[in-house]
Amino acid sequence: MTARSLFLISLLVDDYDRAKGFYCDGLGFDCLEDSPQPEGKRWLVVKPPGGDGAGILLAKAEGEAQKAAIGHQAGGRVGFFLRTDDFARDHSRMLEHGVEFREEPRHEVYGTVAVFADLYGNLWDLIEPAPQK
């Protein structure tokens, strides 16, 4: 059997440094790679620390269609889910770094969750899953 996993997704951004600052400083992600590419592009990969999930390739939008998609990659729905092992710690840290939460934290059967917006308006869930029974 072949092992597969989703290891990288692409997220359109308007500026490499601005996006890197938000994801690394604001959300506390690690920068795994930031390498120059031809034509002024960069291979810029960020990822939450300590996790085994996918990294995010921050891709600078080119052309009108890509620029129009910045911040709308999930059509206004929550499109990204950031799992944490300590909701209160991460929620507090993110607030201190100016991350905009769109709601107060709530407790659901599946865990503690709150929706926040990234630098561009893409919606994310910060979620601490409920303990397994």
Protein backbone atom coordinates (compact mmCIF):
# COMPACT_ATOMS: atom_id res chain seq x y z
CA MET A 1 0.00 0.00 0.00
CA THR A 2 1.27 3.47 -0.87
CA ALA A 3 1.31 6.08 1.91
CA ARG A 4 0.01 9.51 0.97
CA SER A 5 -0.60 12.73 2.80
CA LEU A 6 -1.44 16.30 2.02
CA PHE A 7 1.80 18.11 2.76
CA LEU A 8 1.40 21.53 1.14
CA ILE A 9 -1.38 23.89 0.09
CA SER A 10 -1.05 27.18 -1.78
CA LEU A 11 -2.48 30.46 -0.49
CA LEU A 12 -2.55 33.56 -2.68
CA VAL A 13 -1.06 36.68 -1.09
CA ASP A 14 -0.32 40.22 -2.22
CA ASP A 15 3.17 40.54 -0.76
CA TYR A 16 5.63 37.91 0.46
CA ASP A 17 7.02 39.82 3.44
CA ARG A 18 3.65 41.06 4.64
CA ALA A 19 2.18 37.55 4.49
CA LYS A 20 5.24 36.01 6.16
CA GLY A 21 4.96 38.56 8.98
CA PHE A 22 1.31 37.72 9.61
CA TYR A 23 1.68 33.96 9.55
CA CYS A 24 4.98 33.79 11.44
CA ASP A 25 4.55 36.67 13.89
CA GLY A 26 0.77 36.88 14.21
CA LEU A 27 -0.08 33.17 14.11
CA GLY A 28 3.25 31.89 15.42
CA PHE A 29 3.96 29.64 12.41
CA ASP A 30 7.47 28.49 11.56
CA CYS A 31 9.05 29.53 8.28
CA LEU A 32 10.25 26.25 6.78
CA GLU A 33 11.71 27.74 3.63
CA ASP A 34 12.10 31.13 1.98
CA SER A 35 14.09 30.72 -1.21
CA PRO A 36 14.34 33.11 -4.15
CA GLN A 37 13.01 31.85 -7.46
CA PRO A 38 13.31 33.24 -10.99
CA GLU A 39 11.38 36.36 -11.97
CA GLY A 40 11.21 37.75 -8.42
CA LYS A 41 9.21 34.84 -7.04
CA ARG A 42 9.92 33.05 -3.77
CA TRP A 43 9.33 29.55 -2.47
CA LEU A 44 7.92 30.59 0.89
CA VAL A 45 6.55 27.79 3.08
CA VAL A 46 5.14 28.29 6.58
CA LYS A 47 3.66 25.75 8.98
CA PRO A 48 2.30 25.63 12.53
CA PRO A 49 5.01 24.44 14.93
CA GLY A 50 5.00 20.89 16.21
CA GLY A 51 2.29 19.60 13.93
CA ASP A 52 2.28 16.92 11.31
CA GLY A 53 -0.23 18.62 9.01
CA ALA A 54 0.28 20.44 5.74
CA GLY A 55 2.43 23.49 5.26
CA ILE A 56 1.27 26.57 3.37
CA LEU A 57 3.03 27.86 0.28
CA LEU A 58 2.52 31.63 0.31
CA ALA A 59 2.19 32.41 -3.39
CA LYS A 60 2.25 36.00 -4.62
CA ALA A 61 -0.71 36.54 -6.92
CA GLU A 62 -0.02 37.41 -10.53
CA GLY A 63 -2.57 38.75 -12.98
CA GLU A 64 -6.03 40.11 -12.32
CA ALA A 65 -7.79 36.75 -11.75
CA GLN A 66 -5.34 35.68 -9.03
CA LYS A 67 -5.32 39.12 -7.41
CA ALA A 68 -9.12 39.09 -7.30
CA ALA A 69 -9.04 35.72 -5.51
CA ILE A 70 -6.90 36.97 -2.61
CA GLY A 71 -8.99 36.67 0.53
CA HIS A 72 -11.78 34.81 -1.25
CA GLN A 73 -10.21 31.41 -1.77
CA ALA A 74 -13.01 29.62 0.10
CA GLY A 75 -15.86 31.76 -1.20
CA GLY A 76 -16.55 33.42 2.16
CA ARG A 77 -16.73 30.17 4.14
CA VAL A 78 -14.28 28.97 6.74
CA GLY A 79 -11.69 27.32 4.53
CA PHE A 80 -8.84 26.61 6.94
CA PHE A 81 -8.76 24.89 10.32
CA LEU A 82 -5.93 25.48 12.78
CA ARG A 83 -5.88 22.79 15.47
CA THR A 84 -4.38 23.61 18.85
CA ASP A 85 -3.74 21.66 22.04
CA ASP A 86 -4.36 24.79 24.16
CA PHE A 87 -7.10 27.08 22.87
CA ALA A 88 -6.77 29.71 25.61
CA ARG A 89 -3.00 30.06 25.09
CA ASP A 90 -3.20 30.43 21.33
CA HIS A 91 -6.32 32.60 21.32
CA SER A 92 -4.67 35.00 23.77
CA ARG A 93 -1.39 35.08 21.82
CA MET A 94 -3.20 35.76 18.56
CA LEU A 95 -5.24 38.58 20.08
CA GLU A 96 -2.03 40.13 21.42
CA HIS A 97 -0.64 40.09 17.87
CA GLY A 98 -3.69 41.79 16.39
CA VAL A 99 -5.40 38.79 14.81
CA GLU A 100 -9.06 39.65 14.15
CA PHE A 101 -11.51 37.16 15.63
CA ARG A 102 -14.98 37.32 14.14
CA GLU A 103 -16.69 35.80 17.18
CA GLU A 104 -16.19 34.95 20.82
CA PRO A 105 -14.89 31.46 21.58
CA ARG A 106 -17.64 28.87 21.79
CA HIS A 107 -17.84 25.32 23.07
CA GLU A 108 -19.25 22.74 20.68
CA VAL A 109 -19.54 18.97 21.02
CA TYR A 110 -16.47 18.67 18.78
CA GLY A 111 -14.35 21.18 20.71
CA THR A 112 -13.65 24.81 21.57
CA VAL A 113 -13.63 27.02 18.50
CA ALA A 114 -13.59 30.61 17.24
CA VAL A 115 -13.49 32.00 13.71
CA PHE A 116 -10.73 34.45 12.81
CA ALA A 117 -9.72 36.21 9.61
CA ASP A 118 -6.26 36.16 8.17
CA LEU A 119 -4.50 39.21 6.77
CA TYR A 120 -6.63 39.04 3.62
CA GLY A 121 -10.03 38.12 5.05
CA ASN A 122 -9.84 34.35 4.51
CA LEU A 123 -11.73 32.70 7.36
CA TRP A 124 -10.13 30.19 9.69
CA ASP A 125 -11.27 28.18 12.69
CA LEU A 126 -8.97 28.03 15.70
CA ILE A 127 -10.06 24.76 17.27
CA GLU A 128 -9.09 22.65 20.23
CA PRO A 129 -10.81 19.30 19.63
CA ALA A 130 -12.85 17.83 22.47
CA PRO A 131 -11.20 14.96 24.32
CA GLN A 132 -11.88 11.55 22.78
CA LYS A 133 -14.30 9.46 24.82
